Amino acid sequence: MLLLHGFTEFCYGWREQVPALVDAGYQDLIPDRRGYNLSNGPGSVRAYQIDHLVADAAAVVASTGQLSAHVVGHDWGAAVADQLAEISL
């Protein structure tokens, strides 16, 4: 399961949901999205366009060797999740 945080948050925002998801059998991917928390920020605002954020999310899933994932997003992460659902991994 890919959990995408919202604007101004980072992966820690999912801390209360993770135990229940793990107990339900999900392997959770909870990346800090570009420029948040300890992740490197891109050099320009253009790098935050939704197509780049969607590509980042797809790359996280692909890095696991999986062909698909359940995706949950909060706030701006939900907008990314919605667009991710439109593409084929």
PDB file of N, CA and C in Angstrom:
ATOM      1  N   MET A   1       0.845  -1.156   0.000  1.00  0.00           N
ATOM      2  CA  MET A   1       0.000   0.000   0.000  1.00  0.00           C
ATOM      3  C   MET A   1       0.902   1.234   0.000  1.00  0.00           C
ATOM      4  N   LEU A   2       0.649   2.128  -0.919  1.00  0.00           N
ATOM      5  CA  LEU A   2       1.401   3.379  -1.018  1.00  0.00           C
ATOM      6  C   LEU A   2       0.590   4.475  -0.341  1.00  0.00           C
ATOM      7  N   LEU A   3       1.159   5.087   0.686  1.00  0.00           N
ATOM      8  CA  LEU A   3       0.499   6.153   1.427  1.00  0.00           C
ATOM      9  C   LEU A   3       1.172   7.477   1.081  1.00  0.00           C
ATOM     10  N   LEU A   4       0.407   8.402   0.513  1.00  0.00           N
ATOM     11  CA  LEU A   4       0.952   9.693   0.081  1.00  0.00           C
ATOM     12  C   LEU A   4       0.430  10.805   0.979  1.00  0.00           C
ATOM     13  N   HIS A   5       1.347  11.486   1.624  1.00  0.00           N
ATOM     14  CA  HIS A   5       0.968  12.539   2.570  1.00  0.00           C
ATOM     15  C   HIS A   5       0.544  13.818   1.851  1.00  0.00           C
ATOM     16  N   GLY A   6      -0.018  14.719   2.610  1.00  0.00           N
ATOM     17  CA  GLY A   6      -0.489  15.988   2.079  1.00  0.00           C
ATOM     18  C   GLY A   6       0.534  17.102   2.219  1.00  0.00           C
ATOM     19  N   PHE A   7       0.120  18.273   1.806  1.00  0.00           N
ATOM     20  CA  PHE A   7       0.959  19.463   1.799  1.00  0.00           C
ATOM     21  C   PHE A   7       1.378  19.835   3.219  1.00  0.00           C
ATOM     22  N   THR A   8       2.601  20.121   3.357  1.00  0.00           N
ATOM     23  CA  THR A   8       3.318  20.494   4.584  1.00  0.00           C
ATOM     24  C   THR A   8       3.524  19.325   5.543  1.00  0.00           C
ATOM     25  N   GLU A   9       3.000  18.152   5.226  1.00  0.00           N
ATOM     26  CA  GLU A   9       3.209  16.989   6.076  1.00  0.00           C
ATOM     27  C   GLU A   9       4.352  16.145   5.524  1.00  0.00           C
ATOM     28  N   PHE A  10       4.650  15.051   6.197  1.00  0.00           N
ATOM     29  CA  PHE A  10       5.616  14.077   5.695  1.00  0.00           C
ATOM     30  C   PHE A  10       5.182  12.701   6.179  1.00  0.00           C
ATOM     31  N   CYS A  11       5.973  11.688   5.958  1.00  0.00           N
ATOM     32  CA  CYS A  11       5.558  10.308   6.218  1.00  0.00           C
ATOM     33  C   CYS A  11       5.036  10.086   7.644  1.00  0.00           C
ATOM     34  N   TYR A  12       5.522  10.845   8.601  1.00  0.00           N
ATOM     35  CA  TYR A  12       5.112  10.699   9.996  1.00  0.00           C
ATOM     36  C   TYR A  12       3.602  10.899  10.174  1.00  0.00           C
ATOM     37  N   GLY A  13       2.980  11.596   9.256  1.00  0.00           N
ATOM     38  CA  GLY A  13       1.543  11.839   9.332  1.00  0.00           C
ATOM     39  C   GLY A  13       0.702  10.565   9.275  1.00  0.00           C
ATOM     40  N   TRP A  14       1.275   9.476   8.805  1.00  0.00           N
ATOM     41  CA  TRP A  14       0.555   8.200   8.705  1.00  0.00           C
ATOM     42  C   TRP A  14       0.805   7.286   9.912  1.00  0.00           C
ATOM     43  N   ARG A  15       1.528   7.747  10.902  1.00  0.00           N
ATOM     44  CA  ARG A  15       1.971   6.892  11.999  1.00  0.00           C
ATOM     45  C   ARG A  15       0.836   6.176  12.733  1.00  0.00           C
ATOM     46  N   GLU A  16      -0.322   6.781  12.826  1.00  0.00           N
ATOM     47  CA  GLU A  16      -1.407   6.146  13.569  1.00  0.00           C
ATOM     48  C   GLU A  16      -2.158   5.112  12.741  1.00  0.00           C
ATOM     49  N   GLN A  17      -2.065   5.190  11.416  1.00  0.00           N
ATOM     50  CA  GLN A  17      -2.754   4.240  10.554  1.00  0.00           C
ATOM     51  C   GLN A  17      -1.911   2.988  10.284  1.00  0.00           C
ATOM     52  N   VAL A  18      -0.599   3.130  10.345  1.00  0.00           N
ATOM     53  CA  VAL A  18       0.300   2.039   9.951  1.00  0.00           C
ATOM     54  C   VAL A  18       0.079   0.753  10.747  1.00  0.00           C
ATOM     55  N   PRO A  19      -0.026   0.774  12.069  1.00  0.00           N
ATOM     56  CA  PRO A  19      -0.203  -0.502  12.789  1.00  0.00           C
ATOM     57  C   PRO A  19      -1.420  -1.293  12.316  1.00  0.00           C
ATOM     58  N   ALA A  20      -2.536  -0.646  12.104  1.00  0.00           N
ATOM     59  CA  ALA A  20      -3.739  -1.355  11.643  1.00  0.00           C
ATOM     60  C   ALA A  20      -3.555  -1.900  10.236  1.00  0.00           C
ATOM     61  N   LEU A  21      -2.863  -1.146   9.377  1.00  0.00           N
ATOM     62  CA  LEU A  21      -2.630  -1.621   8.016  1.00  0.00           C
ATOM     63  C   LEU A  21      -1.695  -2.828   8.002  1.00  0.00           C
ATOM     64  N   VAL A  22      -0.667  -2.788   8.816  1.00  0.00           N
ATOM     65  CA  VAL A  22       0.254  -3.921   8.914  1.00  0.00           C
ATOM     66  C   VAL A  22      -0.483  -5.138   9.483  1.00  0.00           C
ATOM     67  N   ASP A  23      -1.287  -4.930  10.516  1.00  0.00           N
ATOM     68  CA  ASP A  23      -2.066  -6.026  11.094  1.00  0.00           C
ATOM     69  C   ASP A  23      -3.020  -6.634  10.069  1.00  0.00           C
ATOM     70  N   ALA A  24      -3.477  -5.817   9.113  1.00  0.00           N
ATOM     71  CA  ALA A  24      -4.379  -6.301   8.061  1.00  0.00           C
ATOM     72  C   ALA A  24      -3.613  -6.983   6.933  1.00  0.00           C
ATOM     73  N   GLY A  25      -2.280  -7.003   7.031  1.00  0.00           N
ATOM     74  CA  GLY A  25      -1.490  -7.720   6.048  1.00  0.00           C
ATOM     75  C   GLY A  25      -0.874  -6.883   4.948  1.00  0.00           C
ATOM     76  N   TYR A  26      -0.995  -5.576   5.043  1.00  0.00           N
ATOM     77  CA  TYR A  26      -0.419  -4.711   4.004  1.00  0.00           C
ATOM     78  C   TYR A  26       1.054  -4.437   4.281  1.00  0.00           C
ATOM     79  N   GLN A  27       1.825  -4.403   3.215  1.00  0.00           N
ATOM     80  CA  GLN A  27       3.191  -3.895   3.284  1.00  0.00           C
ATOM     81  C   GLN A  27       3.093  -2.436   2.877  1.00  0.00           C
ATOM     82  N   ASP A  28       3.481  -1.551   3.743  1.00  0.00           N
ATOM     83  CA  ASP A  28       3.272  -0.124   3.521  1.00  0.00           C
ATOM     84  C   ASP A  28       4.509   0.551   2.955  1.00  0.00           C
ATOM     85  N   LEU A  29       4.286   1.374   1.953  1.00  0.00           N
ATOM     86  CA  LEU A  29       5.300   2.273   1.401  1.00  0.00           C
ATOM     87  C   LEU A  29       4.870   3.673   1.789  1.00  0.00           C
ATOM     88  N   ILE A  30       5.721   4.363   2.522  1.00  0.00           N
ATOM     89  CA  ILE A  30       5.332   5.680   3.024  1.00  0.00           C
ATOM     90  C   ILE A  30       6.486   6.652   2.772  1.00  0.00           C
ATOM     91  N   PRO A  31       6.647   7.068   1.544  1.00  0.00           N
ATOM     92  CA  PRO A  31       7.783   7.943   1.229  1.00  0.00           C
ATOM     93  C   PRO A  31       7.526   9.391   1.639  1.00  0.00           C
ATOM     94  N   ASP A  32       8.596  10.069   1.964  1.00  0.00           N
ATOM     95  CA  ASP A  32       8.521  11.525   2.033  1.00  0.00           C
ATOM     96  C   ASP A  32       8.561  11.992   0.577  1.00  0.00           C
ATOM     97  N   ARG A  33       7.594  12.752   0.171  1.00  0.00           N
ATOM     98  CA  ARG A  33       7.571  13.213  -1.211  1.00  0.00           C
ATOM     99  C   ARG A  33       8.609  14.302  -1.403  1.00  0.00           C
ATOM    100  N   ARG A  34       8.961  14.570  -2.652  1.00  0.00           N
ATOM    101  CA  ARG A  34      10.052  15.493  -2.967  1.00  0.00           C
ATOM    102  C   ARG A  34       9.926  16.815  -2.219  1.00  0.00           C
ATOM    103  N   GLY A  35      11.017  17.167  -1.554  1.00  0.00           N
ATOM    104  CA  GLY A  35      11.086  18.439  -0.848  1.00  0.00           C
ATOM    105  C   GLY A  35      10.506  18.441   0.557  1.00  0.00           C
ATOM    106  N   TYR A  36       9.986  17.319   1.021  1.00  0.00           N
ATOM    107  CA  TYR A  36       9.394  17.256   2.358  1.00  0.00           C
ATOM    108  C   TYR A  36      10.321  16.523   3.309  1.00  0.00           C
ATOM    109  N   ASN A  37      10.334  16.967   4.560  1.00  0.00           N
ATOM    110  CA  ASN A  37      11.114  16.360   5.627  1.00  0.00           C
ATOM    111  C   ASN A  37      12.569  16.231   5.192  1.00  0.00           C
ATOM    112  N   LEU A  38      13.106  15.018   5.115  1.00  0.00           N
ATOM    113  CA  LEU A  38      14.519  14.831   4.812  1.00  0.00           C
ATOM    114  C   LEU A  38      14.799  14.586   3.329  1.00  0.00           C
ATOM    115  N   SER A  39      13.754  14.571   2.496  1.00  0.00           N
ATOM    116  CA  SER A  39      13.985  14.338   1.064  1.00  0.00           C
ATOM    117  C   SER A  39      14.526  15.607   0.410  1.00  0.00           C
ATOM    118  N   ASN A  40      15.265  15.408  -0.654  1.00  0.00           N
ATOM    119  CA  ASN A  40      15.844  16.546  -1.367  1.00  0.00           C
ATOM    120  C   ASN A  40      14.755  17.345  -2.079  1.00  0.00           C
ATOM    121  N   GLY A  41      14.849  18.648  -1.969  1.00  0.00           N
ATOM    122  CA  GLY A  41      13.925  19.519  -2.675  1.00  0.00           C
ATOM    123  C   GLY A  41      14.445  19.818  -4.067  1.00  0.00           C
ATOM    124  N   PRO A  42      13.556  19.851  -5.037  1.00  0.00           N
ATOM    125  CA  PRO A  42      13.984  20.177  -6.392  1.00  0.00           C
ATOM    126  C   PRO A  42      14.378  21.644  -6.507  1.00  0.00           C
ATOM    127  N   GLY A  43      15.100  21.963  -7.568  1.00  0.00           N
ATOM    128  CA  GLY A  43      15.610  23.312  -7.744  1.00  0.00           C
ATOM    129  C   GLY A  43      14.586  24.344  -8.166  1.00  0.00           C
ATOM    130  N   SER A  44      13.435  23.906  -8.671  1.00  0.00           N
ATOM    131  CA  SER A  44      12.455  24.877  -9.144  1.00  0.00           C
ATOM    132  C   SER A  44      11.038  24.465  -8.752  1.00  0.00           C
ATOM    133  N   VAL A  45      10.161  25.436  -8.745  1.00  0.00           N
ATOM    134  CA  VAL A  45       8.755  25.181  -8.424  1.00  0.00           C
ATOM    135  C   VAL A  45       8.125  24.282  -9.486  1.00  0.00           C
ATOM    136  N   ARG A  46       8.588  24.386 -10.723  1.00  0.00           N
ATOM    137  CA  ARG A  46       8.047  23.560 -11.812  1.00  0.00           C
ATOM    138  C   ARG A  46       8.201  22.067 -11.524  1.00  0.00           C
ATOM    139  N   ALA A  47       9.186  21.724 -10.732  1.00  0.00           N
ATOM    140  CA  ALA A  47       9.423  20.314 -10.400  1.00  0.00           C
ATOM    141  C   ALA A  47       8.316  19.743  -9.508  1.00  0.00           C
ATOM    142  N   TYR A  48       7.438  20.599  -9.000  1.00  0.00           N
ATOM    143  CA  TYR A  48       6.323  20.148  -8.183  1.00  0.00           C
ATOM    144  C   TYR A  48       5.037  19.978  -8.994  1.00  0.00           C
ATOM    145  N   GLN A  49       5.115  20.090 -10.305  1.00  0.00           N
ATOM    146  CA  GLN A  49       3.919  19.882 -11.125  1.00  0.00           C
ATOM    147  C   GLN A  49       3.435  18.451 -10.935  1.00  0.00           C
ATOM    148  N   ILE A  50       2.129  18.294 -11.036  1.00  0.00           N
ATOM    149  CA  ILE A  50       1.530  17.007 -10.674  1.00  0.00           C
ATOM    150  C   ILE A  50       2.080  15.847 -11.488  1.00  0.00           C
ATOM    151  N   ASP A  51       2.427  16.072 -12.751  1.00  0.00           N
ATOM    152  CA  ASP A  51       2.948  14.954 -13.537  1.00  0.00           C
ATOM    153  C   ASP A  51       4.270  14.436 -12.964  1.00  0.00           C
ATOM    154  N   HIS A  52       5.078  15.313 -12.411  1.00  0.00           N
ATOM    155  CA  HIS A  52       6.332  14.890 -11.776  1.00  0.00           C
ATOM    156  C   HIS A  52       6.056  14.126 -10.479  1.00  0.00           C
ATOM    157  N   LEU A  53       5.085  14.596  -9.713  1.00  0.00           N
ATOM    158  CA  LEU A  53       4.746  13.936  -8.447  1.00  0.00           C
ATOM    159  C   LEU A  53       4.146  12.553  -8.688  1.00  0.00           C
ATOM    160  N   VAL A  54       3.344  12.443  -9.744  1.00  0.00           N
ATOM    161  CA  VAL A  54       2.771  11.145 -10.113  1.00  0.00           C
ATOM    162  C   VAL A  54       3.880  10.189 -10.549  1.00  0.00           C
ATOM    163  N   ALA A  55       4.827  10.694 -11.331  1.00  0.00           N
ATOM    164  CA  ALA A  55       5.957   9.855 -11.760  1.00  0.00           C
ATOM    165  C   ALA A  55       6.769   9.389 -10.556  1.00  0.00           C
ATOM    166  N   ASP A  56       6.946  10.254  -9.569  1.00  0.00           N
ATOM    167  CA  ASP A  56       7.647   9.860  -8.344  1.00  0.00           C
ATOM    168  C   ASP A  56       6.920   8.700  -7.663  1.00  0.00           C
ATOM    169  N   ALA A  57       5.605   8.826  -7.525  1.00  0.00           N
ATOM    170  CA  ALA A  57       4.815   7.790  -6.852  1.00  0.00           C
ATOM    171  C   ALA A  57       4.881   6.478  -7.629  1.00  0.00           C
ATOM    172  N   ALA A  58       4.780   6.548  -8.935  1.00  0.00           N
ATOM    173  CA  ALA A  58       4.877   5.342  -9.762  1.00  0.00           C
ATOM    174  C   ALA A  58       6.250   4.697  -9.610  1.00  0.00           C
ATOM    175  N   ALA A  59       7.283   5.509  -9.523  1.00  0.00           N
ATOM    176  CA  ALA A  59       8.644   4.985  -9.369  1.00  0.00           C
ATOM    177  C   ALA A  59       8.823   4.280  -8.030  1.00  0.00           C
ATOM    178  N   VAL A  60       8.186   4.786  -6.992  1.00  0.00           N
ATOM    179  CA  VAL A  60       8.274   4.130  -5.681  1.00  0.00           C
ATOM    180  C   VAL A  60       7.679   2.733  -5.769  1.00  0.00           C
ATOM    181  N   VAL A  61       6.503   2.627  -6.386  1.00  0.00           N
ATOM    182  CA  VAL A  61       5.874   1.308  -6.532  1.00  0.00           C
ATOM    183  C   VAL A  61       6.751   0.403  -7.394  1.00  0.00           C
ATOM    184  N   ALA A  62       7.216   0.921  -8.517  1.00  0.00           N
ATOM    185  CA  ALA A  62       8.042   0.121  -9.429  1.00  0.00           C
ATOM    186  C   ALA A  62       9.333  -0.358  -8.756  1.00  0.00           C
ATOM    187  N   SER A  63       9.864   0.435  -7.842  1.00  0.00           N
ATOM    188  CA  SER A  63      11.119   0.061  -7.175  1.00  0.00           C
ATOM    189  C   SER A  63      10.976  -1.191  -6.324  1.00  0.00           C
ATOM    190  N   THR A  64       9.753  -1.559  -5.991  1.00  0.00           N
ATOM    191  CA  THR A  64       9.519  -2.761  -5.190  1.00  0.00           C
ATOM    192  C   THR A  64       9.394  -4.006  -6.056  1.00  0.00           C
ATOM    193  N   GLY A  65       9.313  -3.814  -7.367  1.00  0.00           N
ATOM    194  CA  GLY A  65       9.108  -4.933  -8.277  1.00  0.00           C
ATOM    195  C   GLY A  65       7.650  -5.308  -8.442  1.00  0.00           C
ATOM    196  N   GLN A  66       6.777  -4.593  -7.783  1.00  0.00           N
ATOM    197  CA  GLN A  66       5.345  -4.853  -7.901  1.00  0.00           C
ATOM    198  C   GLN A  66       4.781  -4.171  -9.143  1.00  0.00           C
ATOM    199  N   LEU A  67       3.724  -4.728  -9.690  1.00  0.00           N
ATOM    200  CA  LEU A  67       3.079  -4.141 -10.864  1.00  0.00           C
ATOM    201  C   LEU A  67       1.944  -3.202 -10.491  1.00  0.00           C
ATOM    202  N   SER A  68       1.482  -3.291  -9.253  1.00  0.00           N
ATOM    203  CA  SER A  68       0.387  -2.431  -8.817  1.00  0.00           C
ATOM    204  C   SER A  68       0.444  -2.271  -7.302  1.00  0.00           C
ATOM    205  N   ALA A  69      -0.365  -1.367  -6.803  1.00  0.00           N
ATOM    206  CA  ALA A  69      -0.435  -1.141  -5.357  1.00  0.00           C
ATOM    207  C   ALA A  69      -1.753  -0.459  -5.025  1.00  0.00           C
ATOM    208  N   HIS A  70      -2.205  -0.671  -3.813  1.00  0.00           N
ATOM    209  CA  HIS A  70      -3.297   0.145  -3.291  1.00  0.00           C
ATOM    210  C   HIS A  70      -2.660   1.491  -2.979  1.00  0.00           C
ATOM    211  N   VAL A  71      -3.342   2.572  -3.344  1.00  0.00           N
ATOM    212  CA  VAL A  71      -2.784   3.903  -3.116  1.00  0.00           C
ATOM    213  C   VAL A  71      -3.780   4.720  -2.307  1.00  0.00           C
ATOM    214  N   VAL A  72      -3.287   5.320  -1.231  1.00  0.00           N
ATOM    215  CA  VAL A  72      -4.106   6.164  -0.371  1.00  0.00           C
ATOM    216  C   VAL A  72      -3.413   7.512  -0.264  1.00  0.00           C
ATOM    217  N   GLY A  73      -4.172   8.568  -0.435  1.00  0.00           N
ATOM    218  CA  GLY A  73      -3.584   9.891  -0.337  1.00  0.00           C
ATOM    219  C   GLY A  73      -4.395  10.803   0.560  1.00  0.00           C
ATOM    220  N   HIS A  74      -3.695  11.732   1.167  1.00  0.00           N
ATOM    221  CA  HIS A  74      -4.332  12.756   2.002  1.00  0.00           C
ATOM    222  C   HIS A  74      -3.977  14.119   1.439  1.00  0.00           C
ATOM    223  N   ASP A  75      -4.973  14.997   1.324  1.00  0.00           N
ATOM    224  CA  ASP A  75      -4.745  16.362   0.876  1.00  0.00           C
ATOM    225  C   ASP A  75      -4.109  16.336  -0.519  1.00  0.00           C
ATOM    226  N   TRP A  76      -2.971  16.959  -0.701  1.00  0.00           N
ATOM    227  CA  TRP A  76      -2.329  16.978  -2.022  1.00  0.00           C
ATOM    228  C   TRP A  76      -1.920  15.570  -2.442  1.00  0.00           C
ATOM    229  N   GLY A  77      -1.642  14.705  -1.493  1.00  0.00           N
ATOM    230  CA  GLY A  77      -1.354  13.309  -1.811  1.00  0.00           C
ATOM    231  C   GLY A  77      -2.535  12.621  -2.467  1.00  0.00           C
ATOM    232  N   ALA A  78      -3.760  13.034  -2.112  1.00  0.00           N
ATOM    233  CA  ALA A  78      -4.957  12.466  -2.746  1.00  0.00           C
ATOM    234  C   ALA A  78      -5.051  12.887  -4.207  1.00  0.00           C
ATOM    235  N   ALA A  79      -4.651  14.107  -4.518  1.00  0.00           N
ATOM    236  CA  ALA A  79      -4.651  14.561  -5.912  1.00  0.00           C
ATOM    237  C   ALA A  79      -3.640  13.743  -6.720  1.00  0.00           C
ATOM    238  N   VAL A  80      -2.499  13.465  -6.132  1.00  0.00           N
ATOM    239  CA  VAL A  80      -1.488  12.641  -6.801  1.00  0.00           C
ATOM    240  C   VAL A  80      -2.024  11.217  -6.970  1.00  0.00           C
ATOM    241  N   ALA A  81      -2.640  10.666  -5.934  1.00  0.00           N
ATOM    242  CA  ALA A  81      -3.204   9.315  -6.005  1.00  0.00           C
ATOM    243  C   ALA A  81      -4.256   9.226  -7.093  1.00  0.00           C
ATOM    244  N   ASP A  82      -5.087  10.248  -7.218  1.00  0.00           N
ATOM    245  CA  ASP A  82      -6.123  10.263  -8.240  1.00  0.00           C
ATOM    246  C   ASP A  82      -5.514  10.228  -9.643  1.00  0.00           C
ATOM    247  N   GLN A  83      -4.496  11.014  -9.859  1.00  0.00           N
ATOM    248  CA  GLN A  83      -3.836  11.035 -11.165  1.00  0.00           C
ATOM    249  C   GLN A  83      -3.076   9.727 -11.409  1.00  0.00           C
ATOM    250  N   LEU A  84      -2.508   9.160 -10.373  1.00  0.00           N
ATOM    251  CA  LEU A  84      -1.800   7.892 -10.502  1.00  0.00           C
ATOM    252  C   LEU A  84      -2.746   6.792 -10.955  1.00  0.00           C
ATOM    253  N   ALA A  85      -3.975   6.846 -10.480  1.00  0.00           N
ATOM    254  CA  ALA A  85      -4.974   5.847 -10.870  1.00  0.00           C
ATOM    255  C   ALA A  85      -5.287   5.900 -12.361  1.00  0.00           C
ATOM    256  N   GLU A  86      -5.012   7.016 -13.000  1.00  0.00           N
ATOM    257  CA  GLU A  86      -5.289   7.196 -14.415  1.00  0.00           C
ATOM    258  C   GLU A  86      -4.221   6.585 -15.320  1.00  0.00           C
ATOM    259  N   ILE A  87      -3.058   6.280 -14.762  1.00  0.00           N
ATOM    260  CA  ILE A  87      -1.982   5.758 -15.604  1.00  0.00           C
ATOM    261  C   ILE A  87      -1.785   4.277 -15.321  1.00  0.00           C
ATOM    262  N   SER A  88      -1.092   3.635 -16.188  1.00  0.00           N
ATOM    263  CA  SER A  88      -0.772   2.224 -16.007  1.00  0.00           C
ATOM    264  C   SER A  88       0.655   2.126 -15.503  1.00  0.00           C
ATOM    265  N   LEU A  89       0.857   1.441 -14.398  1.00  0.00           N
ATOM    266  CA  LEU A  89       2.202   1.235 -13.886  1.00  0.00           C
ATOM    267  C   LEU A  89       2.857   0.171 -14.724  1.00  0.00           C
TER     268      LEU A  89
END
